[in-house]
C-alpha atoms as a PDB file:
ATOM      1  CA  MET A   1      43.183  11.708   2.941  1.00  0.00           C
ATOM      2  CA  SER A   2      46.492  12.373   1.121  1.00  0.00           C
ATOM      3  CA  THR A   3      46.668  13.242  -2.572  1.00  0.00           C
ATOM      4  CA  ASN A   4      48.279   9.862  -3.381  1.00  0.00           C
ATOM      5  CA  SER A   5      45.604   7.982  -1.448  1.00  0.00           C
ATOM      6  CA  SER A   6      42.896   9.942  -3.210  1.00  0.00           C
ATOM      7  CA  HIS A   7      44.384   9.086  -6.621  1.00  0.00           C
ATOM      8  CA  LEU A   8      44.661   5.420  -5.607  1.00  0.00           C
ATOM      9  CA  PHE A   9      41.036   5.335  -4.484  1.00  0.00           C
ATOM     10  CA  THR A  10      39.885   6.981  -7.720  1.00  0.00           C
ATOM     11  CA  SER A  11      41.890   4.487  -9.802  1.00  0.00           C
ATOM     12  CA  LEU A  12      40.555   1.500  -7.886  1.00  0.00           C
ATOM     13  CA  TRP A  13      36.995   2.784  -8.257  1.00  0.00           C
ATOM     14  CA  PHE A  14      37.506   3.243 -12.007  1.00  0.00           C
ATOM     15  CA  PHE A  15      38.866  -0.275 -12.482  1.00  0.00           C
ATOM     16  CA  PHE A  16      36.108  -1.768 -10.310  1.00  0.00           C
ATOM     17  CA  ASN A  17      33.448  -0.200 -12.504  1.00  0.00           C
ATOM     18  CA  LEU A  18      35.322  -1.215 -15.651  1.00  0.00           C
ATOM     19  CA  PHE A  19      35.563  -4.800 -14.366  1.00  0.00           C
ATOM     20  CA  PHE A  20      31.868  -4.901 -13.427  1.00  0.00           C
ATOM     21  CA  TYR A  21      30.931  -3.445 -16.800  1.00  0.00           C
ATOM     22  CA  SER A  22      33.086  -6.014 -18.645  1.00  0.00           C
ATOM     23  CA  ILE A  23      31.659  -8.966 -16.736  1.00  0.00           C
ATOM     24  CA  THR A  24      28.076  -7.765 -17.107  1.00  0.00           C
ATOM     25  CA  LEU A  25      28.562  -7.005 -20.775  1.00  0.00           C
ATOM     26  CA  ALA A  26      30.057 -10.423 -21.402  1.00  0.00           C
ATOM     27  CA  SER A  27      27.060 -12.074 -19.765  1.00  0.00           C
ATOM     28  CA  ALA A  28      24.565 -10.101 -21.828  1.00  0.00           C
ATOM     29  CA  SER A  29      22.645 -12.473 -24.073  1.00  0.00           C
ATOM     30  CA  SER A  30      22.212 -10.197 -27.089  1.00  0.00           C
ATOM     31  CA  ALA A  31      23.648  -7.271 -28.973  1.00  0.00           C
ATOM     32  CA  ILE A  32      20.713  -5.084 -27.931  1.00  0.00           C
ATOM     33  CA  SER A  33      21.200  -5.724 -24.221  1.00  0.00           C
ATOM     34  CA  SER A  34      24.911  -5.008 -24.679  1.00  0.00           C
ATOM     35  CA  ASP A  35      24.059  -1.672 -26.285  1.00  0.00           C
ATOM     36  CA  GLN A  36      21.654  -0.871 -23.453  1.00  0.00           C
ATOM     37  CA  LEU A  37      24.279  -1.683 -20.809  1.00  0.00           C
ATOM     38  CA  LYS A  38      26.893   0.361 -22.635  1.00  0.00           C
ATOM     39  CA  PHE A  39      24.519   3.347 -22.741  1.00  0.00           C
ATOM     40  CA  TRP A  40      23.855   2.970 -19.012  1.00  0.00           C
ATOM     41  CA  PHE A  41      27.524   2.995 -18.016  1.00  0.00           C
ATOM     42  CA  GLU A  42      28.200   5.964 -20.265  1.00  0.00           C
ATOM     43  CA  ASN A  43      25.472   8.036 -18.609  1.00  0.00           C
ATOM     44  CA  VAL A  44      24.859   6.650 -15.101  1.00  0.00           C
ATOM     45  CA  GLU A  45      27.461   6.731 -12.327  1.00  0.00           C
ATOM     46  CA  ASN A  46      26.417   3.583 -10.465  1.00  0.00           C
ATOM     47  CA  LYS A  47      25.693   0.049 -11.629  1.00  0.00           C
ATOM     48  CA  MET A  48      22.287  -0.986 -12.928  1.00  0.00           C
ATOM     49  CA  PRO A  49      19.908  -2.415 -10.254  1.00  0.00           C
ATOM     50  CA  ASN A  50      19.243  -6.132 -10.689  1.00  0.00           C
ATOM     51  CA  PRO A  51      15.483  -5.755 -11.334  1.00  0.00           C
ATOM     52  CA  LEU A  52      16.326  -3.421 -14.224  1.00  0.00           C
ATOM     53  CA  LEU A  53      18.947  -5.822 -15.580  1.00  0.00           C
ATOM     54  CA  LYS A  54      16.133  -8.332 -16.030  1.00  0.00           C
ATOM     55  CA  LYS A  55      14.371  -5.851 -18.302  1.00  0.00           C
ATOM     56  CA  LEU A  56      17.170  -5.635 -20.855  1.00  0.00           C
ATOM     57  CA  SER A  57      16.095  -6.673 -24.328  1.00  0.00           C
ATOM     58  CA  PRO A  58      16.736 -10.328 -25.253  1.00  0.00           C
ATOM     59  CA  LEU A  59      16.525  -9.465 -28.972  1.00  0.00           C
ATOM     60  CA  SER A  60      19.521 -10.174 -31.153  1.00  0.00           C
ATOM     61  CA  LYS A  61      20.810  -7.414 -33.392  1.00  0.00           C
ATOM     62  CA  LYS A  62      19.515  -9.320 -36.422  1.00  0.00           C
ATOM     63  CA  ASN A  63      16.000  -9.707 -34.995  1.00  0.00           C
ATOM     64  CA  SER A  64      15.948  -6.109 -33.811  1.00  0.00           C
ATOM     65  CA  ASP A  65      16.877  -4.787 -37.244  1.00  0.00           C
ATOM     66  CA  TYR A  66      14.295  -6.997 -38.941  1.00  0.00           C
ATOM     67  CA  TYR A  67      11.354  -5.974 -36.762  1.00  0.00           C
ATOM     68  CA  THR A  68      12.414  -2.326 -36.580  1.00  0.00           C
ATOM     69  CA  ASN A  69      12.494  -2.149 -40.388  1.00  0.00           C
ATOM     70  CA  LEU A  70       9.001  -3.645 -40.509  1.00  0.00           C
ATOM     71  CA  LEU A  71       7.714  -1.037 -38.067  1.00  0.00           C
ATOM     72  CA  LEU A  72       9.467   1.845 -39.825  1.00  0.00           C
ATOM     73  CA  SER A  73       8.531   0.845 -43.373  1.00  0.00           C
ATOM     74  CA  GLU A  74       6.278   3.186 -45.331  1.00  0.00           C
ATOM     75  CA  ASN A  75       2.574   2.488 -44.737  1.00  0.00           C
ATOM     76  CA  SER A  76       3.634  -0.032 -42.127  1.00  0.00           C
ATOM     77  CA  LYS A  77       0.938  -2.363 -40.881  1.00  0.00           C
ATOM     78  CA  PHE A  78       3.280  -4.208 -38.546  1.00  0.00           C
ATOM     79  CA  SER A  79       1.578  -6.013 -35.699  1.00  0.00           C
ATOM     80  CA  ALA A  80       3.306  -7.970 -32.974  1.00  0.00           C
ATOM     81  CA  ASP A  81       2.656 -11.687 -33.351  1.00  0.00           C
ATOM     82  CA  ALA A  82       3.351 -14.397 -30.811  1.00  0.00           C
ATOM     83  CA  GLY A  83       6.798 -15.000 -32.273  1.00  0.00           C
ATOM     84  CA  PHE A  84       7.916 -11.412 -31.873  1.00  0.00           C
ATOM     85  CA  CYS A  85       6.430 -11.064 -28.386  1.00  0.00           C
ATOM     86  CA  SER A  86       8.199 -14.226 -27.240  1.00  0.00           C
ATOM     87  CA  LEU A  87      11.537 -13.150 -28.748  1.00  0.00           C
ATOM     88  CA  ALA A  88      11.295  -9.653 -27.232  1.00  0.00           C
ATOM     89  CA  LYS A  89       9.832 -10.813 -23.854  1.00  0.00           C
ATOM     90  CA  LEU A  90       6.727  -8.651 -24.071  1.00  0.00           C
ATOM     91  CA  ALA A  91       3.232  -8.998 -22.592  1.00  0.00           C
ATOM     92  CA  CYS A  92       1.222  -8.477 -25.746  1.00  0.00           C
ATOM     93  CA  THR A  93      -0.316 -11.720 -26.988  1.00  0.00           C
ATOM     94  CA  SER A  94      -2.469 -14.607 -25.900  1.00  0.00           C
ATOM     95  CA  VAL A  95       0.572 -16.110 -24.169  1.00  0.00           C
ATOM     96  CA  PHE A  96       0.055 -13.393 -21.546  1.00  0.00           C
ATOM     97  CA  GLN A  97      -2.135 -15.292 -19.098  1.00  0.00           C
ATOM     98  CA  LYS A  98      -1.705 -13.201 -15.945  1.00  0.00           C
ATOM     99  CA  ALA A  99      -3.590 -10.012 -16.737  1.00  0.00           C
ATOM    100  CA  ASN A 100      -5.775 -10.642 -13.686  1.00  0.00           C
ATOM    101  CA  ILE A 101      -2.826 -10.053 -11.342  1.00  0.00           C
ATOM    102  CA  VAL A 102      -2.504  -6.410 -12.361  1.00  0.00           C
ATOM    103  CA  LYS A 103      -3.659  -4.382  -9.379  1.00  0.00           C
ATOM    104  CA  ASP A 104      -6.324  -1.748  -9.896  1.00  0.00           C
ATOM    105  CA  THR A 105      -4.196   0.599  -7.810  1.00  0.00           C
ATOM    106  CA  TYR A 106      -0.760   0.043  -9.302  1.00  0.00           C
ATOM    107  CA  THR A 107      -0.486   3.501 -10.811  1.00  0.00           C
ATOM    108  CA  ARG A 108      -2.983   5.472  -8.774  1.00  0.00           C
ATOM    109  CA  GLN A 109      -0.855   5.213  -5.657  1.00  0.00           C
ATOM    110  CA  LYS A 110       2.051   6.897  -7.443  1.00  0.00           C
ATOM    111  CA  THR A 111       0.411   9.793  -9.280  1.00  0.00           C
ATOM    112  CA  TYR A 112       1.095  12.475  -6.648  1.00  0.00           C
ATOM    113  CA  GLY A 113      -2.074  14.257  -7.656  1.00  0.00           C
ATOM    114  CA  ARG A 114      -0.824  15.494 -11.009  1.00  0.00           C
ATOM    115  CA  PHE A 115      -4.040  14.409 -12.720  1.00  0.00           C
ATOM    116  CA  SER A 116      -7.532  15.799 -12.845  1.00  0.00           C
ATOM    117  CA  ALA A 117     -10.019  14.771 -10.229  1.00  0.00           C
ATOM    118  CA  ALA A 118     -11.880  12.791 -12.897  1.00  0.00           C
ATOM    119  CA  LEU A 119      -9.099  10.202 -12.923  1.00  0.00           C
ATOM    120  CA  HIS A 120      -9.421   9.759  -9.148  1.00  0.00           C
ATOM    121  CA  ARG A 121     -13.188   9.887  -8.875  1.00  0.00           C
ATOM    122  CA  HIS A 122     -13.718   6.148  -8.696  1.00  0.00           C
ATOM    123  CA  GLN A 123     -11.033   5.444  -6.140  1.00  0.00           C
ATOM    124  CA  ASP A 124     -12.347   3.527  -3.176  1.00  0.00           C
ATOM    125  CA  ILE A 125     -10.364   3.685   0.050  1.00  0.00           C
ATOM    126  CA  LYS A 126     -11.325   0.040   0.685  1.00  0.00           C
ATOM    127  CA  ASN A 127      -9.411  -1.003  -2.451  1.00  0.00           C
ATOM    128  CA  GLU A 128      -6.310   1.045  -1.684  1.00  0.00           C
ATOM    129  CA  ASP A 129      -3.346  -0.060   0.389  1.00  0.00           C
ATOM    130  CA  PRO A 130      -3.918   1.892   3.633  1.00  0.00           C
ATOM    131  CA  PHE A 131      -0.154   2.102   4.121  1.00  0.00           C
ATOM    132  CA  ALA A 132       0.582   3.498   0.657  1.00  0.00           C
ATOM    133  CA  PHE A 133       1.174   7.012   2.016  1.00  0.00           C
ATOM    134  CA  TYR A 134       2.616   8.291   5.286  1.00  0.00           C
ATOM    135  CA  ARG A 135       3.675  11.547   6.965  1.00  0.00           C
ATOM    136  CA  LEU A 136       7.252  12.767   7.319  1.00  0.00           C
ATOM    137  CA  SER A 137       6.939  12.385  11.096  1.00  0.00           C
ATOM    138  CA  ALA A 138       7.033   8.583  10.574  1.00  0.00           C
ATOM    139  CA  LEU A 139      10.702   8.814   9.604  1.00  0.00           C
ATOM    140  CA  LYS A 140      12.221   8.726  13.068  1.00  0.00           C
ATOM    141  CA  GLU A 141      14.784   6.144  14.096  1.00  0.00           C
ATOM    142  CA  GLY A 142      13.201   3.463  16.279  1.00  0.00           C
ATOM    143  CA  LYS A 143       9.646   4.273  15.260  1.00  0.00           C
ATOM    144  CA  LEU A 144       7.312   1.386  14.414  1.00  0.00           C
ATOM    145  CA  VAL A 145       5.679   1.658  10.971  1.00  0.00           C
ATOM    146  CA  HIS A 146       3.669  -0.626   8.707  1.00  0.00           C
ATOM    147  CA  LEU A 147       5.041  -1.012   5.195  1.00  0.00           C
ATOM    148  CA  PRO A 148       2.757  -1.345   2.152  1.00  0.00           C
ATOM    149  CA  HIS A 149       2.916  -4.192  -0.357  1.00  0.00           C
ATOM    150  CA  LEU A 150       6.338  -3.943  -2.000  1.00  0.00           C
ATOM    151  CA  LYS A 151       6.025  -6.807  -4.454  1.00  0.00           C
ATOM    152  CA  GLU A 152       5.065  -5.534  -7.898  1.00  0.00           C
ATOM    153  CA  SER A 153       2.125  -7.284  -9.522  1.00  0.00           C
ATOM    154  CA  LEU A 154       2.891  -6.309 -13.117  1.00  0.00           C
ATOM    155  CA  PRO A 155       4.067  -9.035 -15.526  1.00  0.00           C
ATOM    156  CA  ASP A 156       7.721  -9.068 -16.554  1.00  0.00           C
ATOM    157  CA  ARG A 157       8.409  -7.180 -19.755  1.00  0.00           C
ATOM    158  CA  ALA A 158      11.651  -6.182 -21.439  1.00  0.00           C
ATOM    159  CA  PHE A 159      12.599  -2.810 -22.894  1.00  0.00           C
ATOM    160  CA  LEU A 160      12.241  -2.475 -26.638  1.00  0.00           C
ATOM    161  CA  PRO A 161      15.225  -1.262 -28.674  1.00  0.00           C
ATOM    162  CA  GLN A 162      15.255   2.526 -28.597  1.00  0.00           C
ATOM    163  CA  GLN A 163      14.702   3.010 -32.334  1.00  0.00           C
ATOM    164  CA  MET A 164      11.628   0.790 -32.283  1.00  0.00           C
ATOM    165  CA  ALA A 165      10.164   2.207 -29.061  1.00  0.00           C
ATOM    166  CA  SER A 166      10.529   5.789 -30.287  1.00  0.00           C
ATOM    167  CA  LYS A 167       8.124   5.078 -33.162  1.00  0.00           C
ATOM    168  CA  ILE A 168       5.264   3.844 -30.959  1.00  0.00           C
ATOM    169  CA  PRO A 169       2.829   6.695 -30.171  1.00  0.00           C
ATOM    170  CA  LEU A 170       1.339   6.989 -26.709  1.00  0.00           C
ATOM    171  CA  ASN A 171      -2.253   6.537 -27.832  1.00  0.00           C
ATOM    172  CA  TYR A 172      -4.438   3.482 -27.531  1.00  0.00           C
ATOM    173  CA  ASP A 173      -5.368   3.113 -31.214  1.00  0.00           C
ATOM    174  CA  ALA A 174      -1.697   2.886 -32.196  1.00  0.00           C
ATOM    175  CA  ILE A 175      -0.825   0.449 -29.421  1.00  0.00           C
ATOM    176  CA  ALA A 176      -3.872  -1.720 -30.175  1.00  0.00           C
ATOM    177  CA  ARG A 177      -2.855  -1.803 -33.854  1.00  0.00           C
ATOM    178  CA  ILE A 178       0.779  -2.743 -33.150  1.00  0.00           C
ATOM    179  CA  PHE A 179      -0.114  -5.104 -30.278  1.00  0.00           C
ATOM    180  CA  PRO A 180      -3.604  -6.330 -31.287  1.00  0.00           C
ATOM    181  CA  ASP A 181      -3.834  -9.125 -28.732  1.00  0.00           C
ATOM    182  CA  SER A 182      -3.402  -6.624 -25.894  1.00  0.00           C
ATOM    183  CA  ASP A 183      -7.071  -5.832 -26.555  1.00  0.00           C
ATOM    184  CA  SER A 184      -8.129  -9.426 -25.900  1.00  0.00           C
ATOM    185  CA  SER A 185      -8.210  -9.095 -22.117  1.00  0.00           C
ATOM    186  CA  GLY A 186     -10.451  -6.529 -20.469  1.00  0.00           C
ATOM    187  CA  LYS A 187      -7.995  -6.065 -17.615  1.00  0.00           C
ATOM    188  CA  THR A 188      -5.050  -5.606 -19.981  1.00  0.00           C
ATOM    189  CA  LYS A 189      -6.918  -3.063 -22.103  1.00  0.00           C
ATOM    190  CA  GLU A 190      -8.136  -1.151 -19.054  1.00  0.00           C
ATOM    191  CA  THR A 191      -4.661  -0.995 -17.519  1.00  0.00           C
ATOM    192  CA  ILE A 192      -3.056   0.215 -20.762  1.00  0.00           C
ATOM    193  CA  GLN A 193      -5.732   2.900 -21.086  1.00  0.00           C
ATOM    194  CA  THR A 194      -5.093   3.994 -17.497  1.00  0.00           C
ATOM    195  CA  THR A 195      -1.355   4.266 -18.191  1.00  0.00           C
ATOM    196  CA  LEU A 196      -2.012   6.349 -21.316  1.00  0.00           C
ATOM    197  CA  ALA A 197      -4.410   8.620 -19.420  1.00  0.00           C
ATOM    198  CA  TYR A 198      -1.676   9.368 -16.899  1.00  0.00           C
ATOM    199  CA  CYS A 199       0.989   9.842 -19.574  1.00  0.00           C
ATOM    200  CA  ASN A 200      -1.159  12.263 -21.567  1.00  0.00           C
ATOM    201  CA  ALA A 201      -2.605  14.204 -18.614  1.00  0.00           C
ATOM    202  CA  GLU A 202      -1.602  17.835 -18.190  1.00  0.00           C
ATOM    203  CA  ALA A 203       1.262  18.411 -15.775  1.00  0.00           C
ATOM    204  CA  ILE A 204       0.607  20.378 -12.612  1.00  0.00           C
ATOM    205  CA  GLN A 205       2.370  23.629 -11.790  1.00  0.00           C
ATOM    206  CA  GLY A 206       6.094  23.135 -11.147  1.00  0.00           C
ATOM    207  CA  GLU A 207       6.233  19.653 -12.654  1.00  0.00           C
ATOM    208  CA  THR A 208       8.326  18.257 -15.487  1.00  0.00           C
ATOM    209  CA  GLU A 209       7.108  14.892 -16.722  1.00  0.00           C
ATOM    210  CA  SER A 210       7.632  12.196 -19.340  1.00  0.00           C
ATOM    211  CA  CYS A 211       6.593   8.629 -20.127  1.00  0.00           C
ATOM    212  CA  PRO A 212       9.791   7.074 -21.510  1.00  0.00           C
ATOM    213  CA  LYS A 213       9.227   4.005 -23.680  1.00  0.00           C
ATOM    214  CA  SER A 214      12.807   2.778 -23.558  1.00  0.00           C
ATOM    215  CA  LEU A 215      15.735   2.600 -21.163  1.00  0.00           C
ATOM    216  CA  GLU A 216      17.561   5.257 -23.172  1.00  0.00           C
ATOM    217  CA  GLU A 217      14.598   7.642 -23.022  1.00  0.00           C
ATOM    218  CA  MET A 218      14.357   7.265 -19.242  1.00  0.00           C
ATOM    219  CA  VAL A 219      18.047   7.965 -18.649  1.00  0.00           C
ATOM    220  CA  GLY A 220      17.909  10.821 -21.153  1.00  0.00           C
ATOM    221  CA  PHE A 221      14.963  12.434 -19.364  1.00  0.00           C
ATOM    222  CA  ALA A 222      16.756  12.199 -16.002  1.00  0.00           C
ATOM    223  CA  LYS A 223      19.906  13.765 -17.453  1.00  0.00           C
ATOM    224  CA  SER A 224      18.110  16.602 -19.238  1.00  0.00           C
ATOM    225  CA  THR A 225      16.088  17.414 -16.107  1.00  0.00           C
ATOM    226  CA  LEU A 226      18.963  17.235 -13.627  1.00  0.00           C
ATOM    227  CA  GLY A 227      21.835  18.422 -15.804  1.00  0.00           C
ATOM    228  CA  GLY A 228      25.419  17.203 -15.708  1.00  0.00           C
ATOM    229  CA  LYS A 229      27.348  14.534 -17.578  1.00  0.00           C
ATOM    230  CA  LYS A 230      26.089  11.646 -15.455  1.00  0.00           C
ATOM    231  CA  VAL A 231      23.237  10.856 -13.083  1.00  0.00           C
ATOM    232  CA  VAL A 232      22.851   8.472 -10.123  1.00  0.00           C
ATOM    233  CA  ALA A 233      20.042   5.907  -9.959  1.00  0.00           C
ATOM    234  CA  LEU A 234      18.605   5.010  -6.542  1.00  0.00           C
ATOM    235  CA  THR A 235      16.032   2.416  -5.557  1.00  0.00           C
ATOM    236  CA  THR A 236      14.811   0.131  -2.763  1.00  0.00           C
ATOM    237  CA  LYS A 237      17.103  -2.838  -2.070  1.00  0.00           C
ATOM    238  CA  ASN A 238      14.559  -5.686  -1.876  1.00  0.00           C
ATOM    239  CA  THR A 239      10.985  -6.587  -0.875  1.00  0.00           C
ATOM    240  CA  ARG A 240      11.665  -7.755   2.683  1.00  0.00           C
ATOM    241  CA  GLY A 241       9.315  -6.203   5.211  1.00  0.00           C
ATOM    242  CA  SER A 242       6.509  -6.032   2.671  1.00  0.00           C
ATOM    243  CA  ASN A 243       3.058  -5.562   4.243  1.00  0.00           C
ATOM    244  CA  SER A 244       4.360  -5.910   7.792  1.00  0.00           C
ATOM    245  CA  ALA A 245       5.276  -3.903  10.865  1.00  0.00           C
ATOM    246  CA  VAL A 246       8.952  -2.867  11.024  1.00  0.00           C
ATOM    247  CA  ARG A 247      11.095  -0.321  12.814  1.00  0.00           C
ATOM    248  CA  ILE A 248      12.810   2.636  11.218  1.00  0.00           C
ATOM    249  CA  GLY A 249      16.603   2.388  11.363  1.00  0.00           C
ATOM    250  CA  LYS A 250      19.223   4.825  10.119  1.00  0.00           C
ATOM    251  CA  ILE A 251      17.982   7.574   7.827  1.00  0.00           C
ATOM    252  CA  LYS A 252      19.912   9.435   5.154  1.00  0.00           C
ATOM    253  CA  GLU A 253      18.546  12.399   3.224  1.00  0.00           C
ATOM    254  CA  TYR A 254      19.801  13.031  -0.285  1.00  0.00           C
ATOM    255  CA  GLY A 255      20.653  16.682  -0.648  1.00  0.00           C
ATOM    256  CA  GLY A 256      18.095  18.198   1.683  1.00  0.00           C
ATOM    257  CA  ALA A 257      15.302  20.612   0.821  1.00  0.00           C
ATOM    258  CA  GLY A 258      15.570  22.057  -2.664  1.00  0.00           C
ATOM    259  CA  LYS A 259      17.412  19.058  -4.127  1.00  0.00           C
ATOM    260  CA  LYS A 260      16.185  18.322  -7.634  1.00  0.00           C
ATOM    261  CA  ILE A 261      14.923  14.765  -7.990  1.00  0.00           C
ATOM    262  CA  VAL A 262      13.448  12.743 -10.838  1.00  0.00           C
ATOM    263  CA  ALA A 263      11.151   9.875  -9.838  1.00  0.00           C
ATOM    264  CA  CYS A 264      10.350   7.062 -12.287  1.00  0.00           C
ATOM    265  CA  HIS A 265       7.671   4.445 -11.674  1.00  0.00           C
ATOM    266  CA  GLU A 266       6.962   1.384 -13.746  1.00  0.00           C
ATOM    267  CA  ALA A 267       3.882   1.780 -15.929  1.00  0.00           C
ATOM    268  CA  PHE A 268       2.053  -0.967 -17.777  1.00  0.00           C
ATOM    269  CA  LEU A 269       2.354  -1.174 -21.550  1.00  0.00           C
ATOM    270  CA  PRO A 270       3.052  -4.372 -23.531  1.00  0.00           C
ATOM    271  CA  PHE A 271       6.761  -3.484 -23.252  1.00  0.00           C
ATOM    272  CA  ALA A 272       8.741  -2.091 -20.302  1.00  0.00           C
ATOM    273  CA  ALA A 273       7.861   1.571 -19.796  1.00  0.00           C
ATOM    274  CA  TYR A 274       7.981   4.166 -17.033  1.00  0.00           C
ATOM    275  CA  PHE A 275       6.201   7.275 -15.859  1.00  0.00           C
ATOM    276  CA  CYS A 276       8.807   9.837 -14.776  1.00  0.00           C
ATOM    277  CA  HIS A 277       8.509  13.307 -13.343  1.00  0.00           C
ATOM    278  CA  SER A 278      10.178  15.929 -11.260  1.00  0.00           C
ATOM    279  CA  LEU A 279       8.175  17.984  -8.763  1.00  0.00           C
ATOM    280  CA  SER A 280       9.276  20.955  -6.717  1.00  0.00           C
ATOM    281  CA  SER A 281       9.312  20.761  -2.905  1.00  0.00           C
ATOM    282  CA  THR A 282      10.322  17.101  -2.843  1.00  0.00           C
ATOM    283  CA  ARG A 283      12.646  15.371  -0.349  1.00  0.00           C
ATOM    284  CA  LEU A 284      14.290  11.974  -0.783  1.00  0.00           C
ATOM    285  CA  TYR A 285      15.432   9.553   1.943  1.00  0.00           C
ATOM    286  CA  SER A 286      17.266   6.257   2.276  1.00  0.00           C
ATOM    287  CA  VAL A 287      15.851   4.358   5.260  1.00  0.00           C
ATOM    288  CA  ASP A 288      17.065   1.164   6.915  1.00  0.00           C
ATOM    289  CA  VAL A 289      14.225  -1.199   7.775  1.00  0.00           C
ATOM    290  CA  VAL A 290      14.756  -3.112  11.020  1.00  0.00           C
ATOM    291  CA  VAL A 291      13.016  -6.285  12.194  1.00  0.00           C
ATOM    292  CA  ASP A 292      13.403  -7.494  15.772  1.00  0.00           C
ATOM    293  CA  SER A 293      14.428 -11.136  16.196  1.00  0.00           C
ATOM    294  CA  GLU A 294      15.624 -13.456  18.943  1.00  0.00           C
ATOM    295  CA  THR A 295      19.199 -12.443  18.185  1.00  0.00           C
ATOM    296  CA  GLY A 296      18.371  -8.754  18.218  1.00  0.00           C
ATOM    297  CA  PRO A 297      17.435  -6.118  15.644  1.00  0.00           C
ATOM    298  CA  ASN A 298      18.333  -6.945  12.036  1.00  0.00           C
ATOM    299  CA  VAL A 299      18.415  -4.589   9.077  1.00  0.00           C
ATOM    300  CA  VAL A 300      16.427  -6.505   6.441  1.00  0.00           C
ATOM    301  CA  ASN A 301      16.037  -3.808   3.807  1.00  0.00           C
ATOM    302  CA  THR A 302      17.172  -0.343   2.791  1.00  0.00           C
ATOM    303  CA  MET A 303      14.262   1.524   1.306  1.00  0.00           C
ATOM    304  CA  LEU A 304      13.850   4.698  -0.645  1.00  0.00           C
ATOM    305  CA  GLY A 305      11.192   7.089   0.595  1.00  0.00           C
ATOM    306  CA  ILE A 306      10.036  10.300  -1.049  1.00  0.00           C
ATOM    307  CA  CYS A 307       8.049  13.130   0.519  1.00  0.00           C
ATOM    308  CA  HIS A 308       6.089  15.712  -1.433  1.00  0.00           C
ATOM    309  CA  MET A 309       6.048  18.746   0.788  1.00  0.00           C
ATOM    310  CA  ASP A 310       3.575  20.793  -1.276  1.00  0.00           C
ATOM    311  CA  THR A 311       0.242  19.076  -1.998  1.00  0.00           C
ATOM    312  CA  SER A 312      -1.680  22.259  -2.704  1.00  0.00           C
ATOM    313  CA  GLN A 313      -2.118  21.415  -6.405  1.00  0.00           C
ATOM    314  CA  TRP A 314      -3.357  17.864  -5.854  1.00  0.00           C
ATOM    315  CA  PRO A 315      -7.047  17.059  -6.464  1.00  0.00           C
ATOM    316  CA  LYS A 316      -9.067  17.093  -3.268  1.00  0.00           C
ATOM    317  CA  ASP A 317     -10.238  13.512  -3.730  1.00  0.00           C
ATOM    318  CA  HIS A 318      -6.753  12.091  -4.215  1.00  0.00           C
ATOM    319  CA  VAL A 319      -6.352   8.793  -2.357  1.00  0.00           C
ATOM    320  CA  ALA A 320      -3.437  10.187  -0.324  1.00  0.00           C
ATOM    321  CA  PHE A 321      -5.812  12.608   1.390  1.00  0.00           C
ATOM    322  CA  LYS A 322      -8.235   9.775   2.154  1.00  0.00           C
ATOM    323  CA  ILE A 323      -5.460   7.769   3.786  1.00  0.00           C
ATOM    324  CA  LEU A 324      -3.751  10.660   5.597  1.00  0.00           C
ATOM    325  CA  LYS A 325      -7.031  12.447   6.446  1.00  0.00           C
ATOM    326  CA  PHE A 326      -6.229  15.990   5.339  1.00  0.00           C
ATOM    327  CA  GLY A 327      -6.824  18.115   2.263  1.00  0.00           C
ATOM    328  CA  PRO A 328      -4.743  19.795  -0.456  1.00  0.00           C
ATOM    329  CA  GLY A 329      -1.961  21.960   0.952  1.00  0.00           C
ATOM    330  CA  GLU A 330      -2.603  20.901   4.543  1.00  0.00           C
ATOM    331  CA  GLY A 331       0.418  18.614   4.835  1.00  0.00           C
ATOM    332  CA  GLU A 332       3.069  16.583   3.092  1.00  0.00           C
ATOM    333  CA  ALA A 333       2.507  13.141   1.555  1.00  0.00           C
ATOM    334  CA  CYS A 334       5.267  10.524   1.536  1.00  0.00           C
ATOM    335  CA  HIS A 335       5.488   7.053   0.031  1.00  0.00           C
ATOM    336  CA  TRP A 336       7.992   4.249  -0.460  1.00  0.00           C
ATOM    337  CA  PHE A 337       9.656   3.097  -3.661  1.00  0.00           C
ATOM    338  CA  THR A 338       9.574  -0.528  -4.814  1.00  0.00           C
ATOM    339  CA  GLN A 339      12.556  -2.265  -6.413  1.00  0.00           C
ATOM    340  CA  LEU A 340      11.298  -1.293  -9.864  1.00  0.00           C
ATOM    341  CA  ASP A 341      10.850   2.383  -8.995  1.00  0.00           C
ATOM    342  CA  LEU A 342      13.848   4.632  -9.574  1.00  0.00           C
ATOM    343  CA  ALA A 343      14.861   7.983  -8.145  1.00  0.00           C
ATOM    344  CA  TRP A 344      17.473   9.942 -10.070  1.00  0.00           C
ATOM    345  CA  ILE A 345      19.796  12.602  -8.662  1.00  0.00           C
ATOM    346  CA  ALA A 346      22.684  14.506 -10.220  1.00  0.00           C
ATOM    347  CA  ASP A 347      26.162  13.067  -9.841  1.00  0.00           C
ATOM    348  CA  GLU A 348      28.094  15.442  -7.602  1.00  0.00           C
END
């Protein structure tokens, strides 16, 4: 490509992103979501995935300032009432009627063994998705595989404004005080406690981890871990192929062995939150999912798959070993990302 062509391409790419940013910003329904989008485009090279766009805060600047001041006030006894939870699109009051849809396994399948065996002791292989983990050998073009459930069962929640989220401690007493009705459902309470157990568990050797409570914290963790001025966010395109047999299409590896990757998985708190970490010996793949039809093979999805090549530090009773039928350090464990999971790589 000539120098002039290269400059033209760069200019067109810049104006495309500027146009997309302007349109998206104009459609944002509140000052807080506009701030969140602005932060994203200042720190992330590619556009925000649609499922994440739906998690932007619907709070107006006025409402955000009011509730943030209540939370930050001296001797604050702020608790989220139905009005606040509705305005902020949170799952924290009696209006949250779908606690029973939260899967028992939503986080356990994504822990990669970083937690003590005590947190895995009650896992029952009968209650786990048998297709949650797979071996690297499954990633061969043309090979038939069975995908796990890709549709997330967690209720929709929006991100809190960064200033507010930063003042919420990751302990159950604090969350129960600020969101008292989250304690009204046994399933909700149990799932929050599970999330907090994961967030506060000791990291394994070679791992960097965080439980960001806001969009800004998540992007900030990815940037500080990967380095550079901007990062790239990757995820699975859609949910097509969920819980069905498909064929592996074209495969692309991001960076090869030794590439630093940050993985973020949605975690359940009354507001949108994630569990993020970076592990050594991890490989990341983009995989086309192909379904055969009367008109021929069709690519119905492009999925993100991650393989953890070193499982030697995982607890021996981790569910991955039950599914894959080997023990710690005896093989790699791979799994797919959903639309709400994010993998972050450095912009190069």
